[in-house]
Amino acid sequence: MKDRSALAQGWFRKADSDLADARRTTASEGPYDTACFHAQQAVEKYLKGVLAWRGLEIPRSHDLEELQRLCIQRELWPDLGPVISPT
């Protein structure tokens, strides 16, 4: 099994790639639903990377609010609420 640092870095690399895809799609005025998909994927993978970094179990979930709650409950990222809470 990978150590938690390597696991977290893997999640962050994948998230960086998704974020780059979202930016490229937006810059080329490509399909915005595709840009939104990649942006959502990036956020999901960054949150899972934070959980991995702390050695916590990573749920098999794509629910950003659930992942956000896990990070906030464990005080991994207490100020995350205002950043990604839907308004």
PDB file of N, CA and C in Angstrom:
ATOM      1  N   MET A   1       0.840  -1.189   0.000  1.00  0.00           N
ATOM      2  CA  MET A   1       0.000   0.000   0.000  1.00  0.00           C
ATOM      3  C   MET A   1       0.881   1.246   0.000  1.00  0.00           C
ATOM      4  N   LYS A   2       0.471   2.240  -0.739  1.00  0.00           N
ATOM      5  CA  LYS A   2       1.222   3.484  -0.804  1.00  0.00           C
ATOM      6  C   LYS A   2       1.178   4.191   0.542  1.00  0.00           C
ATOM      7  N   ASP A   3       2.250   4.925   0.833  1.00  0.00           N
ATOM      8  CA  ASP A   3       2.175   5.739   2.038  1.00  0.00           C
ATOM      9  C   ASP A   3       1.238   6.913   1.767  1.00  0.00           C
ATOM     10  N   ARG A   4       0.795   7.542   2.838  1.00  0.00           N
ATOM     11  CA  ARG A   4      -0.242   8.569   2.674  1.00  0.00           C
ATOM     12  C   ARG A   4       0.232   9.767   1.862  1.00  0.00           C
ATOM     13  N   SER A   5       1.522  10.103   1.944  1.00  0.00           N
ATOM     14  CA  SER A   5       2.039  11.215   1.157  1.00  0.00           C
ATOM     15  C   SER A   5       1.954  10.914  -0.337  1.00  0.00           C
ATOM     16  N   ALA A   6       2.365   9.721  -0.729  1.00  0.00           N
ATOM     17  CA  ALA A   6       2.308   9.339  -2.145  1.00  0.00           C
ATOM     18  C   ALA A   6       0.865   9.262  -2.628  1.00  0.00           C
ATOM     19  N   LEU A   7      -0.011   8.742  -1.789  1.00  0.00           N
ATOM     20  CA  LEU A   7      -1.422   8.650  -2.148  1.00  0.00           C
ATOM     21  C   LEU A   7      -2.018  10.048  -2.338  1.00  0.00           C
ATOM     22  N   ALA A   8      -1.730  10.947  -1.404  1.00  0.00           N
ATOM     23  CA  ALA A   8      -2.236  12.319  -1.502  1.00  0.00           C
ATOM     24  C   ALA A   8      -1.687  13.006  -2.747  1.00  0.00           C
ATOM     25  N   GLN A   9      -0.408  12.846  -3.004  1.00  0.00           N
ATOM     26  CA  GLN A   9       0.195  13.476  -4.183  1.00  0.00           C
ATOM     27  C   GLN A   9      -0.442  12.961  -5.471  1.00  0.00           C
ATOM     28  N   GLY A  10      -0.795  11.686  -5.493  1.00  0.00           N
ATOM     29  CA  GLY A  10      -1.489  11.135  -6.657  1.00  0.00           C
ATOM     30  C   GLY A  10      -2.830  11.819  -6.881  1.00  0.00           C
ATOM     31  N   TRP A  11      -3.587  12.000  -5.794  1.00  0.00           N
ATOM     32  CA  TRP A  11      -4.874  12.700  -5.899  1.00  0.00           C
ATOM     33  C   TRP A  11      -4.662  14.135  -6.378  1.00  0.00           C
ATOM     34  N   PHE A  12      -3.641  14.823  -5.820  1.00  0.00           N
ATOM     35  CA  PHE A  12      -3.401  16.219  -6.198  1.00  0.00           C
ATOM     36  C   PHE A  12      -2.974  16.336  -7.664  1.00  0.00           C
ATOM     37  N   ARG A  13      -2.165  15.404  -8.157  1.00  0.00           N
ATOM     38  CA  ARG A  13      -1.770  15.427  -9.575  1.00  0.00           C
ATOM     39  C   ARG A  13      -2.992  15.263 -10.482  1.00  0.00           C
ATOM     40  N   LYS A  14      -3.866  14.331 -10.127  1.00  0.00           N
ATOM     41  CA  LYS A  14      -5.080  14.129 -10.926  1.00  0.00           C
ATOM     42  C   LYS A  14      -5.965  15.371 -10.879  1.00  0.00           C
ATOM     43  N   ALA A  15      -6.057  15.983  -9.704  1.00  0.00           N
ATOM     44  CA  ALA A  15      -6.864  17.197  -9.564  1.00  0.00           C
ATOM     45  C   ALA A  15      -6.279  18.333 -10.394  1.00  0.00           C
ATOM     46  N   ASP A  16      -4.955  18.486 -10.361  1.00  0.00           N
ATOM     47  CA  ASP A  16      -4.308  19.526 -11.166  1.00  0.00           C
ATOM     48  C   ASP A  16      -4.612  19.331 -12.650  1.00  0.00           C
ATOM     49  N   SER A  17      -4.604  18.089 -13.097  1.00  0.00           N
ATOM     50  CA  SER A  17      -4.894  17.787 -14.497  1.00  0.00           C
ATOM     51  C   SER A  17      -6.336  18.152 -14.849  1.00  0.00           C
ATOM     52  N   ASP A  18      -7.274  17.806 -13.971  1.00  0.00           N
ATOM     53  CA  ASP A  18      -8.677  18.161 -14.218  1.00  0.00           C
ATOM     54  C   ASP A  18      -8.868  19.675 -14.234  1.00  0.00           C
ATOM     55  N   LEU A  19      -8.200  20.366 -13.323  1.00  0.00           N
ATOM     56  CA  LEU A  19      -8.321  21.824 -13.290  1.00  0.00           C
ATOM     57  C   LEU A  19      -7.753  22.433 -14.574  1.00  0.00           C
ATOM     58  N   ALA A  20      -6.626  21.918 -15.038  1.00  0.00           N
ATOM     59  CA  ALA A  20      -6.046  22.405 -16.297  1.00  0.00           C
ATOM     60  C   ALA A  20      -7.004  22.158 -17.463  1.00  0.00           C
ATOM     61  N   ASP A  21      -7.648  20.992 -17.480  1.00  0.00           N
ATOM     62  CA  ASP A  21      -8.630  20.700 -18.534  1.00  0.00           C
ATOM     63  C   ASP A  21      -9.798  21.678 -18.480  1.00  0.00           C
ATOM     64  N   ALA A  22     -10.268  21.977 -17.280  1.00  0.00           N
ATOM     65  CA  ALA A  22     -11.377  22.928 -17.131  1.00  0.00           C
ATOM     66  C   ALA A  22     -10.971  24.304 -17.647  1.00  0.00           C
ATOM     67  N   ARG A  23      -9.770  24.719 -17.311  1.00  0.00           N
ATOM     68  CA  ARG A  23      -9.292  26.042 -17.761  1.00  0.00           C
ATOM     69  C   ARG A  23      -9.125  26.088 -19.279  1.00  0.00           C
ATOM     70  N   ARG A  24      -8.551  25.033 -19.856  1.00  0.00           N
ATOM     71  CA  ARG A  24      -8.375  24.988 -21.317  1.00  0.00           C
ATOM     72  C   ARG A  24      -9.728  25.018 -22.032  1.00  0.00           C
ATOM     73  N   THR A  25     -10.668  24.268 -21.514  1.00  0.00           N
ATOM     74  CA  THR A  25     -11.991  24.217 -22.142  1.00  0.00           C
ATOM     75  C   THR A  25     -12.664  25.579 -22.075  1.00  0.00           C
ATOM     76  N   THR A  26     -12.545  26.240 -20.938  1.00  0.00           N
ATOM     77  CA  THR A  26     -13.139  27.569 -20.785  1.00  0.00           C
ATOM     78  C   THR A  26     -12.446  28.578 -21.698  1.00  0.00           C
ATOM     79  N   ALA A  27     -11.117  28.533 -21.749  1.00  0.00           N
ATOM     80  CA  ALA A  27     -10.358  29.481 -22.566  1.00  0.00           C
ATOM     81  C   ALA A  27     -10.673  29.338 -24.051  1.00  0.00           C
ATOM     82  N   SER A  28     -10.952  28.127 -24.485  1.00  0.00           N
ATOM     83  CA  SER A  28     -11.245  27.907 -25.906  1.00  0.00           C
ATOM     84  C   SER A  28     -12.735  28.058 -26.203  1.00  0.00           C
ATOM     85  N   GLU A  29     -13.461  28.517 -25.202  1.00  0.00           N
ATOM     86  CA  GLU A  29     -14.913  28.661 -25.316  1.00  0.00           C
ATOM     87  C   GLU A  29     -15.545  27.350 -25.760  1.00  0.00           C
ATOM     88  N   GLY A  30     -14.962  26.277 -25.234  1.00  0.00           N
ATOM     89  CA  GLY A  30     -15.470  24.939 -25.519  1.00  0.00           C
ATOM     90  C   GLY A  30     -16.769  24.697 -24.781  1.00  0.00           C
ATOM     91  N   PRO A  31     -17.243  23.498 -24.779  1.00  0.00           N
ATOM     92  CA  PRO A  31     -18.495  23.212 -24.087  1.00  0.00           C
ATOM     93  C   PRO A  31     -18.350  23.478 -22.583  1.00  0.00           C
ATOM     94  N   TYR A  32     -19.157  24.388 -22.075  1.00  0.00           N
ATOM     95  CA  TYR A  32     -19.037  24.773 -20.669  1.00  0.00           C
ATOM     96  C   TYR A  32     -19.465  23.662 -19.723  1.00  0.00           C
ATOM     97  N   ASP A  33     -20.338  22.770 -20.172  1.00  0.00           N
ATOM     98  CA  ASP A  33     -20.678  21.642 -19.303  1.00  0.00           C
ATOM     99  C   ASP A  33     -19.459  20.747 -19.089  1.00  0.00           C
ATOM    100  N   THR A  34     -18.595  20.666 -20.085  1.00  0.00           N
ATOM    101  CA  THR A  34     -17.360  19.893 -19.949  1.00  0.00           C
ATOM    102  C   THR A  34     -16.414  20.582 -18.972  1.00  0.00           C
ATOM    103  N   ALA A  35     -16.321  21.906 -19.059  1.00  0.00           N
ATOM    104  CA  ALA A  35     -15.478  22.661 -18.123  1.00  0.00           C
ATOM    105  C   ALA A  35     -15.983  22.484 -16.695  1.00  0.00           C
ATOM    106  N   CYS A  36     -17.295  22.532 -16.514  1.00  0.00           N
ATOM    107  CA  CYS A  36     -17.876  22.346 -15.175  1.00  0.00           C
ATOM    108  C   CYS A  36     -17.608  20.942 -14.652  1.00  0.00           C
ATOM    109  N   PHE A  37     -17.702  19.953 -15.521  1.00  0.00           N
ATOM    110  CA  PHE A  37     -17.419  18.576 -15.121  1.00  0.00           C
ATOM    111  C   PHE A  37     -15.987  18.463 -14.607  1.00  0.00           C
ATOM    112  N   HIS A  38     -15.033  19.006 -15.357  1.00  0.00           N
ATOM    113  CA  HIS A  38     -13.632  18.909 -14.941  1.00  0.00           C
ATOM    114  C   HIS A  38     -13.370  19.715 -13.667  1.00  0.00           C
ATOM    115  N   ALA A  39     -14.045  20.846 -13.505  1.00  0.00           N
ATOM    116  CA  ALA A  39     -13.882  21.631 -12.276  1.00  0.00           C
ATOM    117  C   ALA A  39     -14.398  20.847 -11.070  1.00  0.00           C
ATOM    118  N   GLN A  40     -15.549  20.193 -11.223  1.00  0.00           N
ATOM    119  CA  GLN A  40     -16.097  19.376 -10.135  1.00  0.00           C
ATOM    120  C   GLN A  40     -15.148  18.234  -9.799  1.00  0.00           C
ATOM    121  N   GLN A  41     -14.617  17.599 -10.831  1.00  0.00           N
ATOM    122  CA  GLN A  41     -13.679  16.496 -10.621  1.00  0.00           C
ATOM    123  C   GLN A  41     -12.435  16.972  -9.874  1.00  0.00           C
ATOM    124  N   ALA A  42     -11.949  18.162 -10.218  1.00  0.00           N
ATOM    125  CA  ALA A  42     -10.767  18.706  -9.547  1.00  0.00           C
ATOM    126  C   ALA A  42     -11.035  18.921  -8.064  1.00  0.00           C
ATOM    127  N   VAL A  43     -12.167  19.540  -7.735  1.00  0.00           N
ATOM    128  CA  VAL A  43     -12.498  19.782  -6.326  1.00  0.00           C
ATOM    129  C   VAL A  43     -12.605  18.460  -5.577  1.00  0.00           C
ATOM    130  N   GLU A  44     -13.290  17.501  -6.167  1.00  0.00           N
ATOM    131  CA  GLU A  44     -13.436  16.185  -5.527  1.00  0.00           C
ATOM    132  C   GLU A  44     -12.070  15.568  -5.226  1.00  0.00           C
ATOM    133  N   LYS A  45     -11.175  15.622  -6.187  1.00  0.00           N
ATOM    134  CA  LYS A  45      -9.862  14.996  -6.011  1.00  0.00           C
ATOM    135  C   LYS A  45      -8.981  15.770  -5.035  1.00  0.00           C
ATOM    136  N   TYR A  46      -9.096  17.103  -5.006  1.00  0.00           N
ATOM    137  CA  TYR A  46      -8.346  17.869  -4.003  1.00  0.00           C
ATOM    138  C   TYR A  46      -8.823  17.507  -2.596  1.00  0.00           C
ATOM    139  N   LEU A  47     -10.139  17.404  -2.407  1.00  0.00           N
ATOM    140  CA  LEU A  47     -10.668  17.040  -1.088  1.00  0.00           C
ATOM    141  C   LEU A  47     -10.228  15.638  -0.685  1.00  0.00           C
ATOM    142  N   LYS A  48     -10.268  14.712  -1.613  1.00  0.00           N
ATOM    143  CA  LYS A  48      -9.817  13.349  -1.308  1.00  0.00           C
ATOM    144  C   LYS A  48      -8.319  13.331  -1.015  1.00  0.00           C
ATOM    145  N   GLY A  49      -7.568  14.196  -1.671  1.00  0.00           N
ATOM    146  CA  GLY A  49      -6.143  14.304  -1.384  1.00  0.00           C
ATOM    147  C   GLY A  49      -5.878  14.785   0.029  1.00  0.00           C
ATOM    148  N   VAL A  50      -6.690  15.728   0.498  1.00  0.00           N
ATOM    149  CA  VAL A  50      -6.553  16.215   1.879  1.00  0.00           C
ATOM    150  C   VAL A  50      -6.833  15.077   2.857  1.00  0.00           C
ATOM    151  N   LEU A  51      -7.887  14.319   2.604  1.00  0.00           N
ATOM    152  CA  LEU A  51      -8.198  13.177   3.472  1.00  0.00           C
ATOM    153  C   LEU A  51      -7.060  12.157   3.455  1.00  0.00           C
ATOM    154  N   ALA A  52      -6.528  11.880   2.276  1.00  0.00           N
ATOM    155  CA  ALA A  52      -5.425  10.918   2.157  1.00  0.00           C
ATOM    156  C   ALA A  52      -4.188  11.413   2.899  1.00  0.00           C
ATOM    157  N   TRP A  53      -3.906  12.699   2.777  1.00  0.00           N
ATOM    158  CA  TRP A  53      -2.734  13.291   3.434  1.00  0.00           C
ATOM    159  C   TRP A  53      -2.785  13.065   4.941  1.00  0.00           C
ATOM    160  N   ARG A  54      -3.992  13.117   5.501  1.00  0.00           N
ATOM    161  CA  ARG A  54      -4.166  12.921   6.938  1.00  0.00           C
ATOM    162  C   ARG A  54      -4.326  11.457   7.313  1.00  0.00           C
ATOM    163  N   GLY A  55      -4.237  10.573   6.331  1.00  0.00           N
ATOM    164  CA  GLY A  55      -4.319   9.147   6.614  1.00  0.00           C
ATOM    165  C   GLY A  55      -5.722   8.653   6.898  1.00  0.00           C
ATOM    166  N   LEU A  56      -6.723   9.398   6.455  1.00  0.00           N
ATOM    167  CA  LEU A  56      -8.116   9.029   6.699  1.00  0.00           C
ATOM    168  C   LEU A  56      -8.670   8.224   5.527  1.00  0.00           C
ATOM    169  N   GLU A  57      -9.709   7.477   5.820  1.00  0.00           N
ATOM    170  CA  GLU A  57     -10.367   6.688   4.780  1.00  0.00           C
ATOM    171  C   GLU A  57     -11.002   7.621   3.759  1.00  0.00           C
ATOM    172  N   ILE A  58     -10.851   7.267   2.505  1.00  0.00           N
ATOM    173  CA  ILE A  58     -11.426   8.066   1.429  1.00  0.00           C
ATOM    174  C   ILE A  58     -12.704   7.379   0.974  1.00  0.00           C
ATOM    175  N   PRO A  59     -13.844   8.043   1.153  1.00  0.00           N
ATOM    176  CA  PRO A  59     -15.104   7.407   0.770  1.00  0.00           C
ATOM    177  C   PRO A  59     -15.232   7.282  -0.744  1.00  0.00           C
ATOM    178  N   ARG A  60     -15.949   6.269  -1.157  1.00  0.00           N
ATOM    179  CA  ARG A  60     -16.253   6.102  -2.584  1.00  0.00           C
ATOM    180  C   ARG A  60     -17.483   6.951  -2.873  1.00  0.00           C
ATOM    181  N   SER A  61     -17.249   8.234  -2.981  1.00  0.00           N
ATOM    182  CA  SER A  61     -18.345   9.179  -3.154  1.00  0.00           C
ATOM    183  C   SER A  61     -17.894  10.296  -4.081  1.00  0.00           C
ATOM    184  N   HIS A  62     -18.849  10.823  -4.816  1.00  0.00           N
ATOM    185  CA  HIS A  62     -18.583  11.977  -5.671  1.00  0.00           C
ATOM    186  C   HIS A  62     -19.301  13.205  -5.120  1.00  0.00           C
ATOM    187  N   ASP A  63     -19.854  13.088  -3.928  1.00  0.00           N
ATOM    188  CA  ASP A  63     -20.640  14.146  -3.299  1.00  0.00           C
ATOM    189  C   ASP A  63     -19.701  15.160  -2.644  1.00  0.00           C
ATOM    190  N   LEU A  64     -19.587  16.344  -3.263  1.00  0.00           N
ATOM    191  CA  LEU A  64     -18.672  17.362  -2.744  1.00  0.00           C
ATOM    192  C   LEU A  64     -19.058  17.824  -1.345  1.00  0.00           C
ATOM    193  N   GLU A  65     -20.356  17.911  -1.085  1.00  0.00           N
ATOM    194  CA  GLU A  65     -20.784  18.342   0.249  1.00  0.00           C
ATOM    195  C   GLU A  65     -20.388  17.319   1.309  1.00  0.00           C
ATOM    196  N   GLU A  66     -20.500  16.036   1.002  1.00  0.00           N
ATOM    197  CA  GLU A  66     -20.087  14.999   1.951  1.00  0.00           C
ATOM    198  C   GLU A  66     -18.580  15.083   2.208  1.00  0.00           C
ATOM    199  N   LEU A  67     -17.806  15.230   1.146  1.00  0.00           N
ATOM    200  CA  LEU A  67     -16.350  15.330   1.295  1.00  0.00           C
ATOM    201  C   LEU A  67     -15.969  16.589   2.074  1.00  0.00           C
ATOM    202  N   GLN A  68     -16.675  17.673   1.799  1.00  0.00           N
ATOM    203  CA  GLN A  68     -16.450  18.927   2.526  1.00  0.00           C
ATOM    204  C   GLN A  68     -16.728  18.727   4.012  1.00  0.00           C
ATOM    205  N   ARG A  69     -17.853  18.089   4.333  1.00  0.00           N
ATOM    206  CA  ARG A  69     -18.205  17.845   5.745  1.00  0.00           C
ATOM    207  C   ARG A  69     -17.128  17.020   6.444  1.00  0.00           C
ATOM    208  N   LEU A  70     -16.628  15.997   5.761  1.00  0.00           N
ATOM    209  CA  LEU A  70     -15.583  15.163   6.357  1.00  0.00           C
ATOM    210  C   LEU A  70     -14.345  15.991   6.692  1.00  0.00           C
ATOM    211  N   CYS A  71     -13.962  16.864   5.792  1.00  0.00           N
ATOM    212  CA  CYS A  71     -12.785  17.708   6.035  1.00  0.00           C
ATOM    213  C   CYS A  71     -13.031  18.692   7.173  1.00  0.00           C
ATOM    214  N   ILE A  72     -14.222  19.268   7.223  1.00  0.00           N
ATOM    215  CA  ILE A  72     -14.538  20.236   8.275  1.00  0.00           C
ATOM    216  C   ILE A  72     -14.675  19.536   9.619  1.00  0.00           C
ATOM    217  N   GLN A  73     -15.380  18.395   9.664  1.00  0.00           N
ATOM    218  CA  GLN A  73     -15.576  17.665  10.923  1.00  0.00           C
ATOM    219  C   GLN A  73     -14.253  17.266  11.550  1.00  0.00           C
ATOM    220  N   ARG A  74     -13.303  16.931  10.744  1.00  0.00           N
ATOM    221  CA  ARG A  74     -12.002  16.494  11.264  1.00  0.00           C
ATOM    222  C   ARG A  74     -11.032  17.661  11.398  1.00  0.00           C
ATOM    223  N   GLU A  75     -11.565  18.864  11.206  1.00  0.00           N
ATOM    224  CA  GLU A  75     -10.793  20.099  11.326  1.00  0.00           C
ATOM    225  C   GLU A  75      -9.552  20.087  10.440  1.00  0.00           C
ATOM    226  N   LEU A  76      -9.691  19.486   9.275  1.00  0.00           N
ATOM    227  CA  LEU A  76      -8.590  19.467   8.321  1.00  0.00           C
ATOM    228  C   LEU A  76      -8.520  20.772   7.551  1.00  0.00           C
ATOM    229  N   TRP A  77      -9.690  21.360   7.392  1.00  0.00           N
ATOM    230  CA  TRP A  77      -9.798  22.561   6.576  1.00  0.00           C
ATOM    231  C   TRP A  77     -11.016  23.323   7.091  1.00  0.00           C
ATOM    232  N   PRO A  78     -10.932  23.876   8.314  1.00  0.00           N
ATOM    233  CA  PRO A  78     -12.114  24.443   8.969  1.00  0.00           C
ATOM    234  C   PRO A  78     -12.757  25.609   8.231  1.00  0.00           C
ATOM    235  N   ASP A  79     -11.991  26.346   7.443  1.00  0.00           N
ATOM    236  CA  ASP A  79     -12.571  27.494   6.744  1.00  0.00           C
ATOM    237  C   ASP A  79     -13.048  27.136   5.338  1.00  0.00           C
ATOM    238  N   LEU A  80     -13.203  25.856   5.057  1.00  0.00           N
ATOM    239  CA  LEU A  80     -13.613  25.396   3.737  1.00  0.00           C
ATOM    240  C   LEU A  80     -15.080  25.694   3.448  1.00  0.00           C
ATOM    241  N   GLY A  81     -15.908  25.734   4.477  1.00  0.00           N
ATOM    242  CA  GLY A  81     -17.342  25.925   4.302  1.00  0.00           C
ATOM    243  C   GLY A  81     -17.711  27.065   3.371  1.00  0.00           C
ATOM    244  N   PRO A  82     -17.236  28.281   3.640  1.00  0.00           N
ATOM    245  CA  PRO A  82     -17.614  29.400   2.780  1.00  0.00           C
ATOM    246  C   PRO A  82     -17.071  29.305   1.355  1.00  0.00           C
ATOM    247  N   VAL A  83     -16.044  28.501   1.152  1.00  0.00           N
ATOM    248  CA  VAL A  83     -15.406  28.436  -0.161  1.00  0.00           C
ATOM    249  C   VAL A  83     -16.247  27.674  -1.171  1.00  0.00           C
ATOM    250  N   ILE A  84     -16.790  26.512  -0.777  1.00  0.00           N
ATOM    251  CA  ILE A  84     -17.511  25.707  -1.772  1.00  0.00           C
ATOM    252  C   ILE A  84     -18.971  25.467  -1.429  1.00  0.00           C
ATOM    253  N   SER A  85     -19.483  26.118  -0.400  1.00  0.00           N
ATOM    254  CA  SER A  85     -20.898  25.929  -0.076  1.00  0.00           C
ATOM    255  C   SER A  85     -21.759  26.538  -1.167  1.00  0.00           C
ATOM    256  N   PRO A  86     -22.749  25.788  -1.625  1.00  0.00           N
ATOM    257  CA  PRO A  86     -23.635  26.345  -2.647  1.00  0.00           C
ATOM    258  C   PRO A  86     -24.466  27.484  -2.064  1.00  0.00           C
ATOM    259  N   THR A  87     -24.650  28.513  -2.869  1.00  0.00           N
ATOM    260  CA  THR A  87     -25.473  29.649  -2.417  1.00  0.00           C
ATOM    261  C   THR A  87     -26.593  29.906  -3.381  1.00  0.00           C
TER     262      THR A  87
END
